[in-house]
Amino acid sequence: MRNQIQDVIETSDVALFMKGTPQFVMCGNSQRALDALRRAGAPVTTVDILPDPRIRQELSALSGWPTIPQVFVRG
Protein backbone atom coordinates (compact mmCIF):
# COMPACT_ATOMS: atom_id res chain seq x y z
CA MET A 1 0.00 0.00 0.00
CA ARG A 2 2.79 2.43 0.89
CA ASN A 3 4.45 1.89 -2.50
CA GLN A 4 1.17 2.60 -4.30
CA ILE A 5 0.71 5.84 -2.35
CA GLN A 6 4.29 6.93 -3.02
CA ASP A 7 3.86 6.14 -6.71
CA VAL A 8 0.81 8.42 -6.94
CA ILE A 9 2.63 11.20 -5.09
CA GLU A 10 5.79 10.91 -7.19
CA THR A 11 4.12 10.60 -10.60
CA SER A 12 1.36 13.22 -10.24
CA ASP A 13 1.78 16.96 -10.69
CA VAL A 14 -0.83 17.39 -7.95
CA ALA A 15 -2.14 14.51 -5.85
CA LEU A 16 -5.22 15.00 -3.68
CA PHE A 17 -6.04 12.31 -1.14
CA MET A 18 -9.66 12.97 -0.26
CA LYS A 19 -12.82 11.51 1.19
CA GLY A 20 -14.93 10.50 -1.78
CA THR A 21 -14.49 11.06 -5.49
CA PRO A 22 -14.62 14.25 -7.55
CA GLN A 23 -18.14 13.24 -8.60
CA PHE A 24 -19.29 12.35 -5.06
CA VAL A 25 -17.27 14.22 -2.43
CA MET A 26 -17.94 12.99 1.12
CA CYS A 27 -16.29 15.80 3.13
CA GLY A 28 -16.51 19.57 3.14
CA ASN A 29 -12.76 20.04 3.45
CA SER A 30 -12.15 17.64 0.57
CA GLN A 31 -14.62 19.63 -1.54
CA ARG A 32 -12.90 22.92 -0.69
CA ALA A 33 -9.48 21.50 -1.56
CA LEU A 34 -10.74 20.10 -4.86
CA ASP A 35 -12.48 23.38 -5.75
CA ALA A 36 -9.35 25.42 -4.98
CA LEU A 37 -7.15 23.16 -7.09
CA ARG A 38 -9.62 23.27 -9.97
CA ARG A 39 -9.84 27.08 -9.80
CA ALA A 40 -6.04 27.19 -9.96
CA GLY A 41 -6.15 25.02 -13.08
CA ALA A 42 -4.08 22.30 -11.44
CA PRO A 43 -3.95 18.88 -13.11
CA VAL A 44 -5.29 16.96 -10.11
CA THR A 45 -4.99 13.23 -9.53
CA THR A 46 -7.47 12.22 -6.84
CA VAL A 47 -7.43 9.22 -4.51
CA ASP A 48 -10.49 8.25 -2.46
CA ILE A 49 -9.22 7.10 0.95
CA LEU A 50 -12.59 5.74 2.12
CA PRO A 51 -12.72 2.28 0.45
CA ASP A 52 -9.62 0.99 2.27
CA PRO A 53 -8.65 2.15 5.80
CA ARG A 54 -5.04 1.18 5.09
CA ILE A 55 -4.75 4.13 2.68
CA ARG A 56 -5.37 6.63 5.48
CA GLN A 57 -3.06 4.80 7.89
CA GLU A 58 -0.19 4.58 5.43
CA LEU A 59 -0.70 8.13 4.17
CA SER A 60 -0.59 9.51 7.72
CA ALA A 61 2.52 7.47 8.50
CA LEU A 62 4.17 8.70 5.30
CA SER A 63 3.28 12.39 5.67
CA GLY A 64 3.29 12.72 9.45
CA TRP A 65 -0.13 14.38 9.22
CA PRO A 66 -3.31 12.69 10.53
CA THR A 67 -6.11 14.51 8.74
CA ILE A 68 -7.66 14.40 5.27
CA PRO A 69 -7.55 15.96 2.70
CA GLN A 70 -3.84 15.93 1.93
CA VAL A 71 -2.34 17.59 -1.13
CA PHE A 72 1.06 16.84 -2.63
CA VAL A 73 2.53 19.03 -5.36
CA ARG A 74 5.19 17.38 -7.55
CA GLY A 75 6.09 14.86 -4.88
C-alpha atoms as a PDB file:
ATOM      1  CA  MET A   1       0.000   0.000   0.000  1.00  0.00           C
ATOM      2  CA  ARG A   2       2.790   2.435   0.889  1.00  0.00           C
ATOM      3  CA  ASN A   3       4.449   1.887  -2.496  1.00  0.00           C
ATOM      4  CA  GLN A   4       1.166   2.600  -4.303  1.00  0.00           C
ATOM      5  CA  ILE A   5       0.706   5.841  -2.354  1.00  0.00           C
ATOM      6  CA  GLN A   6       4.293   6.926  -3.021  1.00  0.00           C
ATOM      7  CA  ASP A   7       3.863   6.141  -6.708  1.00  0.00           C
ATOM      8  CA  VAL A   8       0.808   8.425  -6.943  1.00  0.00           C
ATOM      9  CA  ILE A   9       2.629  11.202  -5.087  1.00  0.00           C
ATOM     10  CA  GLU A  10       5.788  10.909  -7.186  1.00  0.00           C
ATOM     11  CA  THR A  11       4.122  10.603 -10.601  1.00  0.00           C
ATOM     12  CA  SER A  12       1.363  13.220 -10.238  1.00  0.00           C
ATOM     13  CA  ASP A  13       1.778  16.956 -10.688  1.00  0.00           C
ATOM     14  CA  VAL A  14      -0.825  17.388  -7.953  1.00  0.00           C
ATOM     15  CA  ALA A  15      -2.145  14.506  -5.850  1.00  0.00           C
ATOM     16  CA  LEU A  16      -5.223  15.003  -3.676  1.00  0.00           C
ATOM     17  CA  PHE A  17      -6.037  12.305  -1.142  1.00  0.00           C
ATOM     18  CA  MET A  18      -9.661  12.973  -0.264  1.00  0.00           C
ATOM     19  CA  LYS A  19     -12.822  11.513   1.193  1.00  0.00           C
ATOM     20  CA  GLY A  20     -14.929  10.498  -1.782  1.00  0.00           C
ATOM     21  CA  THR A  21     -14.494  11.056  -5.493  1.00  0.00           C
ATOM     22  CA  PRO A  22     -14.621  14.255  -7.546  1.00  0.00           C
ATOM     23  CA  GLN A  23     -18.143  13.241  -8.601  1.00  0.00           C
ATOM     24  CA  PHE A  24     -19.292  12.353  -5.061  1.00  0.00           C
ATOM     25  CA  VAL A  25     -17.267  14.219  -2.430  1.00  0.00           C
ATOM     26  CA  MET A  26     -17.937  12.993   1.115  1.00  0.00           C
ATOM     27  CA  CYS A  27     -16.295  15.796   3.130  1.00  0.00           C
ATOM     28  CA  GLY A  28     -16.510  19.573   3.140  1.00  0.00           C
ATOM     29  CA  ASN A  29     -12.755  20.037   3.448  1.00  0.00           C
ATOM     30  CA  SER A  30     -12.149  17.637   0.569  1.00  0.00           C
ATOM     31  CA  GLN A  31     -14.616  19.634  -1.543  1.00  0.00           C
ATOM     32  CA  ARG A  32     -12.902  22.924  -0.688  1.00  0.00           C
ATOM     33  CA  ALA A  33      -9.475  21.500  -1.557  1.00  0.00           C
ATOM     34  CA  LEU A  34     -10.742  20.103  -4.862  1.00  0.00           C
ATOM     35  CA  ASP A  35     -12.483  23.379  -5.745  1.00  0.00           C
ATOM     36  CA  ALA A  36      -9.348  25.424  -4.977  1.00  0.00           C
ATOM     37  CA  LEU A  37      -7.153  23.158  -7.088  1.00  0.00           C
ATOM     38  CA  ARG A  38      -9.620  23.273  -9.972  1.00  0.00           C
ATOM     39  CA  ARG A  39      -9.841  27.082  -9.797  1.00  0.00           C
ATOM     40  CA  ALA A  40      -6.043  27.186  -9.964  1.00  0.00           C
ATOM     41  CA  GLY A  41      -6.151  25.019 -13.083  1.00  0.00           C
ATOM     42  CA  ALA A  42      -4.076  22.301 -11.441  1.00  0.00           C
ATOM     43  CA  PRO A  43      -3.947  18.877 -13.113  1.00  0.00           C
ATOM     44  CA  VAL A  44      -5.287  16.963 -10.113  1.00  0.00           C
ATOM     45  CA  THR A  45      -4.986  13.228  -9.535  1.00  0.00           C
ATOM     46  CA  THR A  46      -7.469  12.219  -6.837  1.00  0.00           C
ATOM     47  CA  VAL A  47      -7.434   9.224  -4.513  1.00  0.00           C
ATOM     48  CA  ASP A  48     -10.487   8.251  -2.457  1.00  0.00           C
ATOM     49  CA  ILE A  49      -9.224   7.101   0.953  1.00  0.00           C
ATOM     50  CA  LEU A  50     -12.590   5.736   2.120  1.00  0.00           C
ATOM     51  CA  PRO A  51     -12.722   2.283   0.448  1.00  0.00           C
ATOM     52  CA  ASP A  52      -9.622   0.990   2.271  1.00  0.00           C
ATOM     53  CA  PRO A  53      -8.648   2.153   5.804  1.00  0.00           C
ATOM     54  CA  ARG A  54      -5.041   1.184   5.091  1.00  0.00           C
ATOM     55  CA  ILE A  55      -4.750   4.127   2.684  1.00  0.00           C
ATOM     56  CA  ARG A  56      -5.369   6.627   5.478  1.00  0.00           C
ATOM     57  CA  GLN A  57      -3.064   4.804   7.891  1.00  0.00           C
ATOM     58  CA  GLU A  58      -0.187   4.582   5.428  1.00  0.00           C
ATOM     59  CA  LEU A  59      -0.703   8.130   4.165  1.00  0.00           C
ATOM     60  CA  SER A  60      -0.595   9.508   7.719  1.00  0.00           C
ATOM     61  CA  ALA A  61       2.524   7.475   8.504  1.00  0.00           C
ATOM     62  CA  LEU A  62       4.170   8.703   5.304  1.00  0.00           C
ATOM     63  CA  SER A  63       3.276  12.385   5.669  1.00  0.00           C
ATOM     64  CA  GLY A  64       3.285  12.716   9.449  1.00  0.00           C
ATOM     65  CA  TRP A  65      -0.132  14.379   9.216  1.00  0.00           C
ATOM     66  CA  PRO A  66      -3.311  12.690  10.529  1.00  0.00           C
ATOM     67  CA  THR A  67      -6.107  14.514   8.736  1.00  0.00           C
ATOM     68  CA  ILE A  68      -7.658  14.404   5.270  1.00  0.00           C
ATOM     69  CA  PRO A  69      -7.550  15.964   2.697  1.00  0.00           C
ATOM     70  CA  GLN A  70      -3.843  15.932   1.925  1.00  0.00           C
ATOM     71  CA  VAL A  71      -2.344  17.587  -1.132  1.00  0.00           C
ATOM     72  CA  PHE A  72       1.059  16.836  -2.630  1.00  0.00           C
ATOM     73  CA  VAL A  73       2.530  19.026  -5.362  1.00  0.00           C
ATOM     74  CA  ARG A  74       5.189  17.380  -7.548  1.00  0.00           C
ATOM     75  CA  GLY A  75       6.094  14.856  -4.879  1.00  0.00           C
END
